[in-house]
């Protein structure tokens, strides 16, 4: 491959990796109240039960 094809390939890979690293750095945890957390756990349990019934 010519040198400029390698350069484009390296730039593309660097762009993808840089974007993923920036996304990881800017991710923030969502604060949930105890009530919201309880509802999330209930919905997860219902979804697990539904999946078990469907199998």
PDB file of N, CA and C in Angstrom:
ATOM      1  N   UNK A   1       0.847  -1.176   0.000  1.00  0.00           N
ATOM      2  CA  UNK A   1       0.000   0.000   0.000  1.00  0.00           C
ATOM      3  C   UNK A   1       0.896   1.243   0.000  1.00  0.00           C
ATOM      4  N   UNK A   2       0.445   2.262  -0.683  1.00  0.00           N
ATOM      5  CA  UNK A   2       1.236   3.504  -0.665  1.00  0.00           C
ATOM      6  C   UNK A   2       1.179   4.171   0.715  1.00  0.00           C
ATOM      7  N   UNK A   3       2.106   5.084   0.953  1.00  0.00           N
ATOM      8  CA  UNK A   3       2.222   5.711   2.268  1.00  0.00           C
ATOM      9  C   UNK A   3       0.970   6.483   2.651  1.00  0.00           C
ATOM     10  N   UNK A   4       0.312   7.123   1.689  1.00  0.00           N
ATOM     11  CA  UNK A   4      -0.865   7.932   2.023  1.00  0.00           C
ATOM     12  C   UNK A   4      -2.054   7.058   2.412  1.00  0.00           C
ATOM     13  N   UNK A   5      -2.118   5.833   1.927  1.00  0.00           N
ATOM     14  CA  UNK A   5      -3.182   4.919   2.345  1.00  0.00           C
ATOM     15  C   UNK A   5      -2.981   4.519   3.804  1.00  0.00           C
ATOM     16  N   UNK A   6      -1.722   4.281   4.196  1.00  0.00           N
ATOM     17  CA  UNK A   6      -1.424   3.977   5.599  1.00  0.00           C
ATOM     18  C   UNK A   6      -1.774   5.172   6.485  1.00  0.00           C
ATOM     19  N   UNK A   7      -1.479   6.365   5.997  1.00  0.00           N
ATOM     20  CA  UNK A   7      -1.781   7.570   6.769  1.00  0.00           C
ATOM     21  C   UNK A   7      -3.289   7.716   6.981  1.00  0.00           C
ATOM     22  N   UNK A   8      -4.064   7.499   5.955  1.00  0.00           N
ATOM     23  CA  UNK A   8      -5.525   7.585   6.076  1.00  0.00           C
ATOM     24  C   UNK A   8      -6.043   6.511   7.025  1.00  0.00           C
ATOM     25  N   UNK A   9      -5.488   5.308   6.929  1.00  0.00           N
ATOM     26  CA  UNK A   9      -5.889   4.221   7.816  1.00  0.00           C
ATOM     27  C   UNK A   9      -5.571   4.549   9.276  1.00  0.00           C
ATOM     28  N   UNK A  10      -4.404   5.067   9.539  1.00  0.00           N
ATOM     29  CA  UNK A  10      -4.016   5.436  10.903  1.00  0.00           C
ATOM     30  C   UNK A  10      -4.892   6.564  11.429  1.00  0.00           C
ATOM     31  N   UNK A  11      -5.188   7.552  10.590  1.00  0.00           N
ATOM     32  CA  UNK A  11      -6.064   8.647  11.009  1.00  0.00           C
ATOM     33  C   UNK A  11      -7.475   8.155  11.325  1.00  0.00           C
ATOM     34  N   UNK A  12      -7.988   7.239  10.531  1.00  0.00           N
ATOM     35  CA  UNK A  12      -9.326   6.705  10.782  1.00  0.00           C
ATOM     36  C   UNK A  12      -9.371   5.928  12.095  1.00  0.00           C
ATOM     37  N   UNK A  13      -8.389   5.076  12.321  1.00  0.00           N
ATOM     38  CA  UNK A  13      -8.339   4.305  13.569  1.00  0.00           C
ATOM     39  C   UNK A  13      -8.163   5.239  14.760  1.00  0.00           C
ATOM     40  N   UNK A  14      -7.303   6.241  14.629  1.00  0.00           N
ATOM     41  CA  UNK A  14      -7.100   7.206  15.698  1.00  0.00           C
ATOM     42  C   UNK A  14      -8.356   7.994  16.008  1.00  0.00           C
ATOM     43  N   UNK A  15      -9.117   8.312  14.988  1.00  0.00           N
ATOM     44  CA  UNK A  15     -10.365   9.042  15.189  1.00  0.00           C
ATOM     45  C   UNK A  15     -11.380   8.205  15.960  1.00  0.00           C
ATOM     46  N   UNK A  16     -11.489   6.935  15.621  1.00  0.00           N
ATOM     47  CA  UNK A  16     -12.419   6.046  16.313  1.00  0.00           C
ATOM     48  C   UNK A  16     -12.003   5.860  17.767  1.00  0.00           C
ATOM     49  N   UNK A  17     -10.729   5.582  17.986  1.00  0.00           N
ATOM     50  CA  UNK A  17     -10.234   5.375  19.354  1.00  0.00           C
ATOM     51  C   UNK A  17     -10.376   6.658  20.167  1.00  0.00           C
ATOM     52  N   UNK A  18     -10.049   7.800  19.580  1.00  0.00           N
ATOM     53  CA  UNK A  18     -10.191   9.076  20.274  1.00  0.00           C
ATOM     54  C   UNK A  18     -11.632   9.369  20.642  1.00  0.00           C
ATOM     55  N   UNK A  19     -12.562   9.067  19.748  1.00  0.00           N
ATOM     56  CA  UNK A  19     -13.975   9.263  20.040  1.00  0.00           C
ATOM     57  C   UNK A  19     -14.461   8.383  21.176  1.00  0.00           C
ATOM     58  N   UNK A  20     -14.006   7.137  21.186  1.00  0.00           N
ATOM     59  CA  UNK A  20     -14.394   6.232  22.273  1.00  0.00           C
ATOM     60  C   UNK A  20     -13.822   6.685  23.614  1.00  0.00           C
ATOM     61  N   UNK A  21     -12.582   7.146  23.610  1.00  0.00           N
ATOM     62  CA  UNK A  21     -11.977   7.625  24.849  1.00  0.00           C
ATOM     63  C   UNK A  21     -12.687   8.878  25.351  1.00  0.00           C
ATOM     64  N   UNK A  22     -13.063   9.783  24.453  1.00  0.00           N
ATOM     65  CA  UNK A  22     -13.779  10.983  24.860  1.00  0.00           C
ATOM     66  C   UNK A  22     -15.161  10.630  25.408  1.00  0.00           C
ATOM     67  N   UNK A  23     -15.816   9.671  24.797  1.00  0.00           N
ATOM     68  CA  UNK A  23     -17.117   9.231  25.277  1.00  0.00           C
ATOM     69  C   UNK A  23     -17.013   8.634  26.675  1.00  0.00           C
ATOM     70  N   UNK A  24     -15.975   7.847  26.911  1.00  0.00           N
ATOM     71  CA  UNK A  24     -15.771   7.255  28.233  1.00  0.00           C
ATOM     72  C   UNK A  24     -15.494   8.325  29.286  1.00  0.00           C
ATOM     73  N   UNK A  25     -14.716   9.330  28.920  1.00  0.00           N
ATOM     74  CA  UNK A  25     -14.368  10.377  29.881  1.00  0.00           C
ATOM     75  C   UNK A  25     -15.549  11.273  30.233  1.00  0.00           C
ATOM     76  N   UNK A  26     -16.482  11.460  29.307  1.00  0.00           N
ATOM     77  CA  UNK A  26     -17.606  12.361  29.565  1.00  0.00           C
ATOM     78  C   UNK A  26     -18.826  11.640  30.130  1.00  0.00           C
ATOM     79  N   UNK A  27     -18.767  10.322  30.245  1.00  0.00           N
ATOM     80  CA  UNK A  27     -19.902   9.569  30.781  1.00  0.00           C
ATOM     81  C   UNK A  27     -20.050   9.873  32.268  1.00  0.00           C
ATOM     82  N   UNK A  28     -21.295  10.096  32.676  1.00  0.00           N
ATOM     83  CA  UNK A  28     -21.574  10.394  34.080  1.00  0.00           C
ATOM     84  C   UNK A  28     -22.628   9.424  34.582  1.00  0.00           C
ATOM     85  N   UNK A  29     -22.531   9.104  35.825  1.00  0.00           N
ATOM     86  CA  UNK A  29     -23.513   8.229  36.443  1.00  0.00           C
ATOM     87  C   UNK A  29     -24.804   9.017  36.679  1.00  0.00           C
ATOM     88  N   UNK A  30     -25.938   8.396  36.454  1.00  0.00           N
ATOM     89  CA  UNK A  30     -27.225   9.043  36.651  1.00  0.00           C
ATOM     90  C   UNK A  30     -27.670   8.804  38.089  1.00  0.00           C
ATOM     91  N   UNK A  31     -27.842   9.880  38.855  1.00  0.00           N
ATOM     92  CA  UNK A  31     -28.284   9.683  40.237  1.00  0.00           C
ATOM     93  C   UNK A  31     -29.767   9.316  40.280  1.00  0.00           C
ATOM     94  N   UNK A  32     -30.090   8.227  40.953  1.00  0.00           N
ATOM     95  CA  UNK A  32     -31.465   7.782  41.079  1.00  0.00           C
ATOM     96  C   UNK A  32     -31.870   7.798  42.546  1.00  0.00           C
ATOM     97  N   UNK A  33     -33.128   8.117  42.769  1.00  0.00           N
ATOM     98  CA  UNK A  33     -33.640   8.043  44.130  1.00  0.00           C
ATOM     99  C   UNK A  33     -33.887   6.579  44.474  1.00  0.00           C
ATOM    100  N   UNK A  34     -34.122   6.308  45.739  1.00  0.00           N
ATOM    101  CA  UNK A  34     -34.384   4.929  46.163  1.00  0.00           C
ATOM    102  C   UNK A  34     -35.642   4.383  45.496  1.00  0.00           C
ATOM    103  N   UNK A  35     -36.661   5.238  45.331  1.00  0.00           N
ATOM    104  CA  UNK A  35     -37.917   4.816  44.697  1.00  0.00           C
ATOM    105  C   UNK A  35     -37.671   4.444  43.230  1.00  0.00           C
ATOM    106  N   UNK A  36     -36.910   5.267  42.504  1.00  0.00           N
ATOM    107  CA  UNK A  36     -36.620   4.971  41.102  1.00  0.00           C
ATOM    108  C   UNK A  36     -35.807   3.689  40.971  1.00  0.00           C
ATOM    109  N   UNK A  37     -34.842   3.509  41.845  1.00  0.00           N
ATOM    110  CA  UNK A  37     -34.019   2.308  41.822  1.00  0.00           C
ATOM    111  C   UNK A  37     -34.863   1.063  42.099  1.00  0.00           C
ATOM    112  N   UNK A  38     -35.818   1.185  43.021  1.00  0.00           N
ATOM    113  CA  UNK A  38     -36.714   0.074  43.338  1.00  0.00           C
ATOM    114  C   UNK A  38     -37.558  -0.302  42.116  1.00  0.00           C
ATOM    115  N   UNK A  39     -38.067   0.724  41.400  1.00  0.00           N
ATOM    116  CA  UNK A  39     -38.868   0.444  40.197  1.00  0.00           C
ATOM    117  C   UNK A  39     -38.035  -0.208  39.101  1.00  0.00           C
ATOM    118  N   UNK A  40     -36.790   0.217  38.966  1.00  0.00           N
ATOM    119  CA  UNK A  40     -35.903  -0.385  37.960  1.00  0.00           C
ATOM    120  C   UNK A  40     -35.683  -1.862  38.277  1.00  0.00           C
ATOM    121  N   UNK A  41     -35.433  -2.172  39.549  1.00  0.00           N
ATOM    122  CA  UNK A  41     -35.229  -3.566  39.949  1.00  0.00           C
ATOM    123  C   UNK A  41     -36.501  -4.391  39.730  1.00  0.00           C
ATOM    124  N   UNK A  42     -37.660  -3.801  39.989  1.00  0.00           N
ATOM    125  CA  UNK A  42     -38.922  -4.519  39.768  1.00  0.00           C
ATOM    126  C   UNK A  42     -39.124  -4.812  38.290  1.00  0.00           C
ATOM    127  N   UNK A  43     -38.849  -3.815  37.438  1.00  0.00           N
ATOM    128  CA  UNK A  43     -39.003  -4.028  35.993  1.00  0.00           C
ATOM    129  C   UNK A  43     -38.026  -5.085  35.484  1.00  0.00           C
ATOM    130  N   UNK A  44     -36.813  -5.078  36.010  1.00  0.00           N
ATOM    131  CA  UNK A  44     -35.835  -6.097  35.603  1.00  0.00           C
ATOM    132  C   UNK A  44     -36.302  -7.489  36.014  1.00  0.00           C
ATOM    133  N   UNK A  45     -36.867  -7.600  37.208  1.00  0.00           N
ATOM    134  CA  UNK A  45     -37.367  -8.896  37.672  1.00  0.00           C
ATOM    135  C   UNK A  45     -38.533  -9.358  36.797  1.00  0.00           C
ATOM    136  N   UNK A  46     -39.419  -8.427  36.428  1.00  0.00           N
ATOM    137  CA  UNK A  46     -40.535  -8.786  35.557  1.00  0.00           C
ATOM    138  C   UNK A  46     -40.037  -9.224  34.186  1.00  0.00           C
ATOM    139  N   UNK A  47     -39.051  -8.518  33.652  1.00  0.00           N
ATOM    140  CA  UNK A  47     -38.509  -8.889  32.341  1.00  0.00           C
ATOM    141  C   UNK A  47     -37.828 -10.254  32.405  1.00  0.00           C
ATOM    142  N   UNK A  48     -37.113 -10.533  33.481  1.00  0.00           N
ATOM    143  CA  UNK A  48     -36.480 -11.846  33.635  1.00  0.00           C
ATOM    144  C   UNK A  48     -37.523 -12.950  33.728  1.00  0.00           C
ATOM    145  N   UNK A  49     -38.613 -12.682  34.455  1.00  0.00           N
ATOM    146  CA  UNK A  49     -39.678 -13.677  34.574  1.00  0.00           C
ATOM    147  C   UNK A  49     -40.341 -13.912  33.217  1.00  0.00           C
ATOM    148  N   UNK A  50     -40.544 -12.848  32.456  1.00  0.00           N
ATOM    149  CA  UNK A  50     -41.153 -12.978  31.130  1.00  0.00           C
ATOM    150  C   UNK A  50     -40.237 -13.792  30.213  1.00  0.00           C
ATOM    151  N   UNK A  51     -38.945 -13.520  30.263  1.00  0.00           N
ATOM    152  CA  UNK A  51     -37.995 -14.286  29.438  1.00  0.00           C
ATOM    153  C   UNK A  51     -37.998 -15.759  29.818  1.00  0.00           C
ATOM    154  N   UNK A  52     -38.078 -16.039  31.120  1.00  0.00           N
ATOM    155  CA  UNK A  52     -38.105 -17.433  31.572  1.00  0.00           C
ATOM    156  C   UNK A  52     -39.369 -18.125  31.087  1.00  0.00           C
ATOM    157  N   UNK A  53     -40.495 -17.414  31.086  1.00  0.00           N
ATOM    158  CA  UNK A  53     -41.760 -18.016  30.596  1.00  0.00           C
ATOM    159  C   UNK A  53     -41.703 -18.262  29.108  1.00  0.00           C
ATOM    160  N   UNK A  54     -41.038 -17.377  28.362  1.00  0.00           N
ATOM    161  CA  UNK A  54     -40.993 -17.506  26.904  1.00  0.00           C
ATOM    162  C   UNK A  54     -40.081 -18.641  26.441  1.00  0.00           C
ATOM    163  N   UNK A  55     -39.204 -19.115  27.275  1.00  0.00           N
ATOM    164  CA  UNK A  55     -38.284 -20.193  26.871  1.00  0.00           C
ATOM    165  C   UNK A  55     -38.926 -21.525  26.905  1.00  0.00           C
TER     166      UNK A  55
END
